[in-house]
Full PDB file with SEQRES, HELIX, SHEET, SSBOND, CRYST1, ORIGX, SCALE, CONECT and MASTER records, all heavy atoms in Angstrom:
SEQRES   1 A   36  PRO GLU ILE SER GLU MET TYR ASN ILE ASP LEU ILE GLN          
SEQRES   2 A   36  GLU ARG ILE PHE ALA ALA PHE LYS GLN GLY PHE LYS ILE          
SEQRES   3 A   36  ASP ASN TYR HIS LEU ASN ILE SER PRO SER                      
HELIX    1 AA1 MET A    6  PHE A   20  1                                  15    
SHEET    1 AA1 2 PHE A  24  ILE A  26  0                                        
SHEET    2 AA1 2 TYR A  29  LEU A  31 -1                                        
CRYST1    1.000    1.000    1.000  90.00  90.00  90.00 P 1           1          
ORIGX1      1.000000  0.000000  0.000000        0.00000                         
ORIGX2      0.000000  1.000000  0.000000        0.00000                         
ORIGX3      0.000000  0.000000  1.000000        0.00000                         
SCALE1      1.000000  0.000000  0.000000        0.00000                         
SCALE2      0.000000  1.000000  0.000000        0.00000                         
SCALE3      0.000000  0.000000  1.000000        0.00000                         
ATOM      1  N   PRO A   1      10.520  -1.051 -13.439  1.00  0.00           N  
ATOM      2  CA  PRO A   1      11.295  -1.039 -14.659  1.00  0.00           C  
ATOM      3  C   PRO A   1      10.410  -1.392 -15.837  1.00  0.00           C  
ATOM      4  O   PRO A   1      10.869  -1.114 -17.042  1.00  0.00           O  
ATOM      5  CB  PRO A   1      12.280  -2.134 -14.375  1.00  0.00           C  
ATOM      6  CG  PRO A   1      11.797  -2.939 -13.371  1.00  0.00           C  
ATOM      7  CD  PRO A   1      10.990  -2.103 -12.575  1.00  0.00           C  
ATOM      8  N   GLU A   2       9.367  -2.109 -15.697  1.00  0.00           N  
ATOM      9  CA  GLU A   2       8.427  -2.475 -16.903  1.00  0.00           C  
ATOM     10  C   GLU A   2       7.039  -2.122 -16.710  1.00  0.00           C  
ATOM     11  O   GLU A   2       6.288  -2.806 -16.028  1.00  0.00           O  
ATOM     12  CB  GLU A   2       8.705  -3.901 -17.171  1.00  0.00           C  
ATOM     13  CG  GLU A   2       9.795  -4.352 -17.829  1.00  0.00           C  
ATOM     14  CD  GLU A   2       9.798  -5.719 -18.540  1.00  0.00           C  
ATOM     15  OE1 GLU A   2       8.727  -6.239 -18.587  1.00  0.00           O  
ATOM     16  OE2 GLU A   2      10.851  -6.394 -18.825  1.00  0.00           O  
ATOM     17  N   ILE A   3       6.668  -0.910 -17.398  1.00  0.00           N  
ATOM     18  CA  ILE A   3       5.196  -0.442 -17.309  1.00  0.00           C  
ATOM     19  C   ILE A   3       4.705  -0.574 -18.783  1.00  0.00           C  
ATOM     20  O   ILE A   3       5.225   0.325 -19.514  1.00  0.00           O  
ATOM     21  CB  ILE A   3       5.194   0.959 -16.727  1.00  0.00           C  
ATOM     22  CG1 ILE A   3       5.788   0.909 -15.383  1.00  0.00           C  
ATOM     23  CG2 ILE A   3       3.782   1.463 -16.896  1.00  0.00           C  
ATOM     24  CD1 ILE A   3       4.844   0.053 -14.442  1.00  0.00           C  
ATOM     25  N   SER A   4       3.807  -1.396 -19.050  1.00  0.00           N  
ATOM     26  CA  SER A   4       3.335  -1.464 -20.389  1.00  0.00           C  
ATOM     27  C   SER A   4       2.186  -0.578 -20.615  1.00  0.00           C  
ATOM     28  O   SER A   4       1.909   0.026 -21.754  1.00  0.00           O  
ATOM     29  CB  SER A   4       2.940  -2.914 -20.734  1.00  0.00           C  
ATOM     30  OG  SER A   4       1.893  -3.335 -19.825  1.00  0.00           O  
ATOM     31  N   GLU A   5       1.273  -0.262 -19.525  1.00  0.00           N  
ATOM     32  CA  GLU A   5       0.305   0.680 -19.636  1.00  0.00           C  
ATOM     33  C   GLU A   5      -0.024   1.149 -18.197  1.00  0.00           C  
ATOM     34  O   GLU A   5       0.431   0.817 -17.254  1.00  0.00           O  
ATOM     35  CB  GLU A   5      -0.856  -0.004 -20.228  1.00  0.00           C  
ATOM     36  CG  GLU A   5      -1.331  -1.298 -19.427  1.00  0.00           C  
ATOM     37  CD  GLU A   5      -2.446  -2.092 -20.163  1.00  0.00           C  
ATOM     38  OE1 GLU A   5      -3.225  -1.418 -20.936  1.00  0.00           O  
ATOM     39  OE2 GLU A   5      -2.590  -3.337 -19.890  1.00  0.00           O  
ATOM     40  N   MET A   6      -0.861   2.328 -18.139  1.00  0.00           N  
ATOM     41  CA  MET A   6      -1.226   2.818 -16.876  1.00  0.00           C  
ATOM     42  C   MET A   6      -1.933   2.028 -15.884  1.00  0.00           C  
ATOM     43  O   MET A   6      -1.867   2.159 -14.697  1.00  0.00           O  
ATOM     44  CB  MET A   6      -2.109   4.167 -17.141  1.00  0.00           C  
ATOM     45  CG  MET A   6      -1.369   5.476 -17.427  1.00  0.00           C  
ATOM     46  SD  MET A   6      -0.289   5.824 -15.992  1.00  0.00           S  
ATOM     47  CE  MET A   6      -1.281   5.940 -14.611  1.00  0.00           C  
ATOM     48  N   TYR A   7      -2.515   0.975 -16.498  1.00  0.00           N  
ATOM     49  CA  TYR A   7      -3.236   0.005 -15.623  1.00  0.00           C  
ATOM     50  C   TYR A   7      -2.298  -0.665 -14.683  1.00  0.00           C  
ATOM     51  O   TYR A   7      -2.508  -0.918 -13.503  1.00  0.00           O  
ATOM     52  CB  TYR A   7      -3.883  -1.146 -16.462  1.00  0.00           C  
ATOM     53  CG  TYR A   7      -4.407  -2.341 -15.781  1.00  0.00           C  
ATOM     54  CD1 TYR A   7      -5.598  -2.132 -14.962  1.00  0.00           C  
ATOM     55  CD2 TYR A   7      -3.688  -3.483 -15.688  1.00  0.00           C  
ATOM     56  CE1 TYR A   7      -6.047  -3.362 -14.238  1.00  0.00           C  
ATOM     57  CE2 TYR A   7      -4.047  -4.546 -14.976  1.00  0.00           C  
ATOM     58  CZ  TYR A   7      -5.234  -4.435 -14.265  1.00  0.00           C  
ATOM     59  OH  TYR A   7      -5.777  -5.553 -13.636  1.00  0.00           O  
ATOM     60  N   ASN A   8      -0.931  -0.911 -15.139  1.00  0.00           N  
ATOM     61  CA  ASN A   8       0.004  -1.407 -14.189  1.00  0.00           C  
ATOM     62  C   ASN A   8       0.271  -0.516 -13.119  1.00  0.00           C  
ATOM     63  O   ASN A   8       0.489  -1.060 -11.946  1.00  0.00           O  
ATOM     64  CB  ASN A   8       1.381  -1.666 -14.979  1.00  0.00           C  
ATOM     65  CG  ASN A   8       1.263  -2.666 -16.224  1.00  0.00           C  
ATOM     66  OD1 ASN A   8       1.779  -2.544 -17.235  1.00  0.00           O  
ATOM     67  ND2 ASN A   8       0.441  -3.728 -15.953  1.00  0.00           N  
ATOM     68  N   ILE A   9       0.445   0.840 -13.391  1.00  0.00           N  
ATOM     69  CA  ILE A   9       0.691   1.750 -12.329  1.00  0.00           C  
ATOM     70  C   ILE A   9      -0.474   1.722 -11.295  1.00  0.00           C  
ATOM     71  O   ILE A   9      -0.183   1.647 -10.047  1.00  0.00           O  
ATOM     72  CB  ILE A   9       0.802   3.223 -12.963  1.00  0.00           C  
ATOM     73  CG1 ILE A   9       2.090   3.260 -13.618  1.00  0.00           C  
ATOM     74  CG2 ILE A   9       0.723   4.327 -11.765  1.00  0.00           C  
ATOM     75  CD1 ILE A   9       3.405   3.431 -12.785  1.00  0.00           C  
ATOM     76  N   ASP A  10      -1.740   1.828 -11.757  1.00  0.00           N  
ATOM     77  CA  ASP A  10      -2.865   1.924 -10.866  1.00  0.00           C  
ATOM     78  C   ASP A  10      -2.999   0.670 -10.029  1.00  0.00           C  
ATOM     79  O   ASP A  10      -3.156   0.727  -8.772  1.00  0.00           O  
ATOM     80  CB  ASP A  10      -4.122   1.957 -11.659  1.00  0.00           C  
ATOM     81  CG  ASP A  10      -4.139   3.341 -12.447  1.00  0.00           C  
ATOM     82  OD1 ASP A  10      -3.569   4.259 -11.855  1.00  0.00           O  
ATOM     83  OD2 ASP A  10      -4.920   3.496 -13.465  1.00  0.00           O  
ATOM     84  N   LEU A  11      -2.775  -0.520 -10.609  1.00  0.00           N  
ATOM     85  CA  LEU A  11      -2.821  -1.860  -9.835  1.00  0.00           C  
ATOM     86  C   LEU A  11      -1.712  -1.839  -8.851  1.00  0.00           C  
ATOM     87  O   LEU A  11      -2.166  -2.395  -7.627  1.00  0.00           O  
ATOM     88  CB  LEU A  11      -2.523  -2.988 -10.841  1.00  0.00           C  
ATOM     89  CG  LEU A  11      -2.845  -4.308 -10.302  1.00  0.00           C  
ATOM     90  CD1 LEU A  11      -4.150  -4.615  -9.688  1.00  0.00           C  
ATOM     91  CD2 LEU A  11      -2.407  -5.491 -11.279  1.00  0.00           C  
ATOM     92  N   ILE A  12      -0.544  -1.531  -9.051  1.00  0.00           N  
ATOM     93  CA  ILE A  12       0.550  -1.550  -8.020  1.00  0.00           C  
ATOM     94  C   ILE A  12       0.165  -0.548  -6.827  1.00  0.00           C  
ATOM     95  O   ILE A  12       0.301  -0.858  -5.603  1.00  0.00           O  
ATOM     96  CB  ILE A  12       1.928  -1.172  -8.666  1.00  0.00           C  
ATOM     97  CG1 ILE A  12       2.254  -2.261  -9.590  1.00  0.00           C  
ATOM     98  CG2 ILE A  12       2.888  -0.911  -7.614  1.00  0.00           C  
ATOM     99  CD1 ILE A  12       3.455  -1.938 -10.564  1.00  0.00           C  
ATOM    100  N   GLN A  13      -0.281   0.644  -7.182  1.00  0.00           N  
ATOM    101  CA  GLN A  13      -0.702   1.610  -6.269  1.00  0.00           C  
ATOM    102  C   GLN A  13      -1.883   1.100  -5.271  1.00  0.00           C  
ATOM    103  O   GLN A  13      -1.745   1.236  -4.067  1.00  0.00           O  
ATOM    104  CB  GLN A  13      -1.050   3.007  -6.704  1.00  0.00           C  
ATOM    105  CG  GLN A  13       0.031   3.513  -7.718  1.00  0.00           C  
ATOM    106  CD  GLN A  13       1.444   3.577  -7.099  1.00  0.00           C  
ATOM    107  OE1 GLN A  13       1.568   4.031  -5.978  1.00  0.00           O  
ATOM    108  NE2 GLN A  13       2.385   3.266  -8.062  1.00  0.00           N  
ATOM    109  N   GLU A  14      -2.746   0.502  -5.956  1.00  0.00           N  
ATOM    110  CA  GLU A  14      -3.901  -0.123  -5.193  1.00  0.00           C  
ATOM    111  C   GLU A  14      -3.435  -1.142  -4.215  1.00  0.00           C  
ATOM    112  O   GLU A  14      -3.966  -1.165  -3.072  1.00  0.00           O  
ATOM    113  CB  GLU A  14      -4.900  -0.641  -6.147  1.00  0.00           C  
ATOM    114  CG  GLU A  14      -5.801   0.449  -6.836  1.00  0.00           C  
ATOM    115  CD  GLU A  14      -6.754  -0.088  -8.059  1.00  0.00           C  
ATOM    116  OE1 GLU A  14      -6.652  -1.281  -8.138  1.00  0.00           O  
ATOM    117  OE2 GLU A  14      -7.126   0.672  -8.815  1.00  0.00           O  
ATOM    118  N   ARG A  15      -2.498  -2.025  -4.669  1.00  0.00           N  
ATOM    119  CA  ARG A  15      -1.900  -3.000  -3.748  1.00  0.00           C  
ATOM    120  C   ARG A  15      -1.322  -2.352  -2.657  1.00  0.00           C  
ATOM    121  O   ARG A  15      -1.376  -2.956  -1.447  1.00  0.00           O  
ATOM    122  CB  ARG A  15      -0.841  -3.829  -4.569  1.00  0.00           C  
ATOM    123  CG  ARG A  15      -1.440  -4.934  -5.451  1.00  0.00           C  
ATOM    124  CD  ARG A  15      -0.309  -5.790  -5.982  1.00  0.00           C  
ATOM    125  NE  ARG A  15      -0.642  -6.501  -7.209  1.00  0.00           N  
ATOM    126  CZ  ARG A  15       0.200  -6.733  -8.125  1.00  0.00           C  
ATOM    127  NH1 ARG A  15       1.589  -6.420  -7.899  1.00  0.00           N  
ATOM    128  NH2 ARG A  15      -0.017  -7.401  -9.294  1.00  0.00           N  
ATOM    129  N   ILE A  16      -0.432  -1.404  -2.759  1.00  0.00           N  
ATOM    130  CA  ILE A  16       0.245  -0.599  -1.784  1.00  0.00           C  
ATOM    131  C   ILE A  16      -0.813  -0.100  -0.812  1.00  0.00           C  
ATOM    132  O   ILE A  16      -0.601  -0.205   0.544  1.00  0.00           O  
ATOM    133  CB  ILE A  16       1.248   0.493  -2.235  1.00  0.00           C  
ATOM    134  CG1 ILE A  16       2.327  -0.218  -3.039  1.00  0.00           C  
ATOM    135  CG2 ILE A  16       1.721   1.297  -0.992  1.00  0.00           C  
ATOM    136  CD1 ILE A  16       3.247   0.690  -3.857  1.00  0.00           C  
ATOM    137  N   PHE A  17      -1.731   0.594  -1.190  1.00  0.00           N  
ATOM    138  CA  PHE A  17      -2.761   1.274  -0.291  1.00  0.00           C  
ATOM    139  C   PHE A  17      -3.492   0.208   0.406  1.00  0.00           C  
ATOM    140  O   PHE A  17      -3.879   0.423   1.558  1.00  0.00           O  
ATOM    141  CB  PHE A  17      -3.610   2.251  -1.054  1.00  0.00           C  
ATOM    142  CG  PHE A  17      -3.038   3.537  -1.363  1.00  0.00           C  
ATOM    143  CD1 PHE A  17      -2.181   3.698  -2.549  1.00  0.00           C  
ATOM    144  CD2 PHE A  17      -3.077   4.546  -0.447  1.00  0.00           C  
ATOM    145  CE1 PHE A  17      -1.603   4.897  -2.810  1.00  0.00           C  
ATOM    146  CE2 PHE A  17      -2.413   5.820  -0.691  1.00  0.00           C  
ATOM    147  CZ  PHE A  17      -1.800   6.049  -1.832  1.00  0.00           C  
ATOM    148  N   ALA A  18      -3.867  -0.919  -0.201  1.00  0.00           N  
ATOM    149  CA  ALA A  18      -4.601  -2.032   0.386  1.00  0.00           C  
ATOM    150  C   ALA A  18      -3.893  -2.637   1.607  1.00  0.00           C  
ATOM    151  O   ALA A  18      -4.312  -2.939   2.738  1.00  0.00           O  
ATOM    152  CB  ALA A  18      -4.930  -3.126  -0.571  1.00  0.00           C  
ATOM    153  N   ALA A  19      -2.346  -2.735   1.330  1.00  0.00           N  
ATOM    154  CA  ALA A  19      -1.585  -3.355   2.392  1.00  0.00           C  
ATOM    155  C   ALA A  19      -1.612  -2.317   3.513  1.00  0.00           C  
ATOM    156  O   ALA A  19      -1.543  -2.754   4.775  1.00  0.00           O  
ATOM    157  CB  ALA A  19      -0.108  -3.631   1.784  1.00  0.00           C  
ATOM    158  N   PHE A  20      -1.485  -0.956   3.320  1.00  0.00           N  
ATOM    159  CA  PHE A  20      -1.221  -0.081   4.401  1.00  0.00           C  
ATOM    160  C   PHE A  20      -2.710  -0.142   5.258  1.00  0.00           C  
ATOM    161  O   PHE A  20      -2.563   0.211   6.455  1.00  0.00           O  
ATOM    162  CB  PHE A  20      -1.067   1.295   3.789  1.00  0.00           C  
ATOM    163  CG  PHE A  20       0.401   1.501   3.808  1.00  0.00           C  
ATOM    164  CD1 PHE A  20       1.196   1.059   2.687  1.00  0.00           C  
ATOM    165  CD2 PHE A  20       1.165   2.357   4.776  1.00  0.00           C  
ATOM    166  CE1 PHE A  20       2.387   1.438   2.589  1.00  0.00           C  
ATOM    167  CE2 PHE A  20       2.304   2.605   4.564  1.00  0.00           C  
ATOM    168  CZ  PHE A  20       3.236   2.218   3.545  1.00  0.00           C  
ATOM    169  N   LYS A  21      -3.782  -0.337   4.704  1.00  0.00           N  
ATOM    170  CA  LYS A  21      -4.991  -0.253   5.238  1.00  0.00           C  
ATOM    171  C   LYS A  21      -5.061  -1.344   6.383  1.00  0.00           C  
ATOM    172  O   LYS A  21      -5.959  -1.169   7.397  1.00  0.00           O  
ATOM    173  CB  LYS A  21      -6.251  -0.356   4.345  1.00  0.00           C  
ATOM    174  CG  LYS A  21      -6.599   0.810   3.574  1.00  0.00           C  
ATOM    175  CD  LYS A  21      -7.549   0.529   2.735  1.00  0.00           C  
ATOM    176  CE  LYS A  21      -8.016   1.761   1.820  1.00  0.00           C  
ATOM    177  NZ  LYS A  21      -9.100   1.667   0.908  1.00  0.00           N  
ATOM    178  N   GLN A  22      -4.272  -2.317   6.410  1.00  0.00           N  
ATOM    179  CA  GLN A  22      -4.391  -3.308   7.485  1.00  0.00           C  
ATOM    180  C   GLN A  22      -3.645  -2.873   8.757  1.00  0.00           C  
ATOM    181  O   GLN A  22      -3.989  -3.460   9.844  1.00  0.00           O  
ATOM    182  CB  GLN A  22      -3.633  -4.601   6.921  1.00  0.00           C  
ATOM    183  CG  GLN A  22      -4.444  -5.248   5.781  1.00  0.00           C  
ATOM    184  CD  GLN A  22      -3.625  -6.496   5.213  1.00  0.00           C  
ATOM    185  OE1 GLN A  22      -2.724  -6.977   5.801  1.00  0.00           O  
ATOM    186  NE2 GLN A  22      -3.961  -6.827   3.984  1.00  0.00           N  
ATOM    187  N   GLY A  23      -2.857  -1.845   8.613  1.00  0.00           N  
ATOM    188  CA  GLY A  23      -2.229  -1.340   9.879  1.00  0.00           C  
ATOM    189  C   GLY A  23      -1.088  -2.037  10.227  1.00  0.00           C  
ATOM    190  O   GLY A  23      -0.701  -3.077   9.516  1.00  0.00           O  
ATOM    191  N   PHE A  24      -0.343  -1.676  11.233  1.00  0.00           N  
ATOM    192  CA  PHE A  24       0.951  -2.392  11.611  1.00  0.00           C  
ATOM    193  C   PHE A  24       0.949  -2.591  13.197  1.00  0.00           C  
ATOM    194  O   PHE A  24       0.753  -1.597  13.854  1.00  0.00           O  
ATOM    195  CB  PHE A  24       2.113  -1.491  11.272  1.00  0.00           C  
ATOM    196  CG  PHE A  24       2.227  -1.109   9.816  1.00  0.00           C  
ATOM    197  CD1 PHE A  24       1.533  -0.048   9.286  1.00  0.00           C  
ATOM    198  CD2 PHE A  24       2.933  -1.929   8.935  1.00  0.00           C  
ATOM    199  CE1 PHE A  24       1.585   0.301   7.837  1.00  0.00           C  
ATOM    200  CE2 PHE A  24       2.927  -1.746   7.564  1.00  0.00           C  
ATOM    201  CZ  PHE A  24       2.336  -0.592   7.049  1.00  0.00           C  
ATOM    202  N   LYS A  25       1.002  -3.673  13.566  1.00  0.00           N  
ATOM    203  CA  LYS A  25       1.075  -4.147  14.963  1.00  0.00           C  
ATOM    204  C   LYS A  25       2.508  -4.126  15.569  1.00  0.00           C  
ATOM    205  O   LYS A  25       3.325  -5.021  15.124  1.00  0.00           O  
ATOM    206  CB  LYS A  25       0.276  -5.483  15.221  1.00  0.00           C  
ATOM    207  CG  LYS A  25       0.246  -5.757  16.664  1.00  0.00           C  
ATOM    208  CD  LYS A  25      -0.643  -7.049  16.943  1.00  0.00           C  
ATOM    209  CE  LYS A  25      -0.878  -7.391  18.442  1.00  0.00           C  
ATOM    210  NZ  LYS A  25      -1.214  -6.364  19.160  1.00  0.00           N  
ATOM    211  N   ILE A  26       2.906  -3.203  16.406  1.00  0.00           N  
ATOM    212  CA  ILE A  26       4.117  -3.090  17.059  1.00  0.00           C  
ATOM    213  C   ILE A  26       3.980  -2.981  18.506  1.00  0.00           C  
ATOM    214  O   ILE A  26       3.502  -2.056  19.058  1.00  0.00           O  
ATOM    215  CB  ILE A  26       4.862  -1.889  16.425  1.00  0.00           C  
ATOM    216  CG1 ILE A  26       4.981  -1.838  14.967  1.00  0.00           C  
ATOM    217  CG2 ILE A  26       6.221  -1.771  17.122  1.00  0.00           C  
ATOM    218  CD1 ILE A  26       5.596  -0.642  14.377  1.00  0.00           C  
ATOM    219  N   ASP A  27       4.649  -4.048  19.122  1.00  0.00           N  
ATOM    220  CA  ASP A  27       4.569  -4.257  20.664  1.00  0.00           C  
ATOM    221  C   ASP A  27       3.166  -4.219  20.959  1.00  0.00           C  
ATOM    222  O   ASP A  27       2.264  -4.950  20.558  1.00  0.00           O  
ATOM    223  CB  ASP A  27       5.278  -3.107  21.296  1.00  0.00           C  
ATOM    224  CG  ASP A  27       6.806  -3.098  21.091  1.00  0.00           C  
ATOM    225  OD1 ASP A  27       7.240  -4.156  20.477  1.00  0.00           O  
ATOM    226  OD2 ASP A  27       7.524  -2.128  21.202  1.00  0.00           O  
ATOM    227  N   ASN A  28       2.636  -3.148  21.871  1.00  0.00           N  
ATOM    228  CA  ASN A  28       1.297  -3.202  22.286  1.00  0.00           C  
ATOM    229  C   ASN A  28       0.549  -2.152  21.486  1.00  0.00           C  
ATOM    230  O   ASN A  28      -0.683  -1.818  21.847  1.00  0.00           O  
ATOM    231  CB  ASN A  28       1.124  -2.894  23.710  1.00  0.00           C  
ATOM    232  CG  ASN A  28       1.671  -3.896  24.547  1.00  0.00           C  
ATOM    233  OD1 ASN A  28       1.644  -5.092  24.262  1.00  0.00           O  
ATOM    234  ND2 ASN A  28       2.363  -3.536  25.711  1.00  0.00           N  
ATOM    235  N   TYR A  29       0.979  -1.635  20.392  1.00  0.00           N  
ATOM    236  CA  TYR A  29       0.379  -0.632  19.519  1.00  0.00           C  
ATOM    237  C   TYR A  29      -0.095  -1.195  18.230  1.00  0.00           C  
ATOM    238  O   TYR A  29       0.453  -2.065  17.570  1.00  0.00           O  
ATOM    239  CB  TYR A  29       1.300   0.459  19.174  1.00  0.00           C  
ATOM    240  CG  TYR A  29       1.818   1.128  20.479  1.00  0.00           C  
ATOM    241  CD1 TYR A  29       3.188   0.808  20.901  1.00  0.00           C  
ATOM    242  CD2 TYR A  29       1.085   2.057  21.213  1.00  0.00           C  
ATOM    243  CE1 TYR A  29       3.583   1.411  21.968  1.00  0.00           C  
ATOM    244  CE2 TYR A  29       1.701   2.738  22.320  1.00  0.00           C  
ATOM    245  CZ  TYR A  29       2.854   2.424  22.802  1.00  0.00           C  
ATOM    246  OH  TYR A  29       3.324   3.010  23.783  1.00  0.00           O  
ATOM    247  N   HIS A  30      -1.239  -0.751  17.723  1.00  0.00           N  
ATOM    248  CA  HIS A  30      -1.742  -0.964  16.393  1.00  0.00           C  
ATOM    249  C   HIS A  30      -1.825   0.263  15.744  1.00  0.00           C  
ATOM    250  O   HIS A  30      -2.544   1.282  15.788  1.00  0.00           O  
ATOM    251  CB  HIS A  30      -3.153  -1.644  16.380  1.00  0.00           C  
ATOM    252  CG  HIS A  30      -3.669  -2.035  14.973  1.00  0.00           C  
ATOM    253  ND1 HIS A  30      -3.299  -3.179  14.403  1.00  0.00           N  
ATOM    254  CD2 HIS A  30      -4.252  -1.324  14.074  1.00  0.00           C  
ATOM    255  CE1 HIS A  30      -3.833  -3.490  13.280  1.00  0.00           C  
ATOM    256  NE2 HIS A  30      -4.356  -2.223  12.977  1.00  0.00           N  
ATOM    257  N   LEU A  31      -0.802   0.545  14.866  1.00  0.00           N  
ATOM    258  CA  LEU A  31      -0.553   1.876  14.222  1.00  0.00           C  
ATOM    259  C   LEU A  31      -1.255   1.928  12.789  1.00  0.00           C  
ATOM    260  O   LEU A  31      -0.982   0.971  11.928  1.00  0.00           O  
ATOM    261  CB  LEU A  31       0.854   2.167  14.091  1.00  0.00           C  
ATOM    262  CG  LEU A  31       1.694   2.079  15.474  1.00  0.00           C  
ATOM    263  CD1 LEU A  31       3.069   2.326  15.187  1.00  0.00           C  
ATOM    264  CD2 LEU A  31       1.075   3.170  16.466  1.00  0.00           C  
ATOM    265  N   ASN A  32      -1.973   2.900  12.523  1.00  0.00           N  
ATOM    266  CA  ASN A  32      -2.461   3.204  11.198  1.00  0.00           C  
ATOM    267  C   ASN A  32      -1.788   4.419  10.718  1.00  0.00           C  
ATOM    268  O   ASN A  32      -1.775   5.398  11.300  1.00  0.00           O  
ATOM    269  CB  ASN A  32      -4.092   3.417  11.233  1.00  0.00           C  
ATOM    270  CG  ASN A  32      -4.786   2.283  11.776  1.00  0.00           C  
ATOM    271  OD1 ASN A  32      -4.830   1.216  11.034  1.00  0.00           O  
ATOM    272  ND2 ASN A  32      -5.374   2.191  12.837  1.00  0.00           N  
ATOM    273  N   ILE A  33      -1.155   4.123   9.538  1.00  0.00           N  
ATOM    274  CA  ILE A  33      -0.570   5.278   8.870  1.00  0.00           C  
ATOM    275  C   ILE A  33      -0.726   5.047   7.344  1.00  0.00           C  
ATOM    276  O   ILE A  33      -0.816   3.966   6.936  1.00  0.00           O  
ATOM    277  CB  ILE A  33       0.986   5.255   9.222  1.00  0.00           C  
ATOM    278  CG1 ILE A  33       1.731   6.575   8.655  1.00  0.00           C  
ATOM    279  CG2 ILE A  33       1.789   3.915   8.525  1.00  0.00           C  
ATOM    280  CD1 ILE A  33       3.111   6.732   9.278  1.00  0.00           C  
ATOM    281  N   SER A  34      -0.770   6.284   6.666  1.00  0.00           N  
ATOM    282  CA  SER A  34      -1.143   6.140   5.263  1.00  0.00           C  
ATOM    283  C   SER A  34      -0.019   6.712   4.409  1.00  0.00           C  
ATOM    284  O   SER A  34       0.835   7.419   5.001  1.00  0.00           O  
ATOM    285  CB  SER A  34      -2.343   6.920   4.925  1.00  0.00           C  
ATOM    286  OG  SER A  34      -2.132   8.240   5.307  1.00  0.00           O  
ATOM    287  N   PRO A  35       0.139   6.255   3.127  1.00  0.00           N  
ATOM    288  CA  PRO A  35       1.198   6.791   2.292  1.00  0.00           C  
ATOM    289  C   PRO A  35       0.728   7.770   1.363  1.00  0.00           C  
ATOM    290  O   PRO A  35      -0.497   7.799   0.959  1.00  0.00           O  
ATOM    291  CB  PRO A  35       1.764   5.636   1.521  1.00  0.00           C  
ATOM    292  CG  PRO A  35       0.414   4.757   1.381  1.00  0.00           C  
ATOM    293  CD  PRO A  35      -0.459   5.003   2.516  1.00  0.00           C  
ATOM    294  N   SER A  36       1.457   8.754   0.986  1.00  0.00           N  
ATOM    295  CA  SER A  36       1.263   9.664  -0.205  1.00  0.00           C  
ATOM    296  C   SER A  36       2.216   9.344  -1.217  1.00  0.00           C  
ATOM    297  O   SER A  36       3.546   9.145  -0.924  1.00  0.00           O  
ATOM    298  CB  SER A  36       1.330  11.055   0.149  1.00  0.00           C  
ATOM    299  OG  SER A  36       0.272  11.381   1.176  1.00  0.00           O  
TER     300      SER A  36                                                      
MASTER        0    0    0    1    2    0    0    6  299    1    0    3          
END                                                                             
């Protein structure tokens, strides 16, 4: 809801992609999945 400049967009996207890179551990699986 509040974007003052493109830097805000880039920063948020970088946070999301960084979080996904850690992967997801579910039961006995370590799943790597990426977003678009």
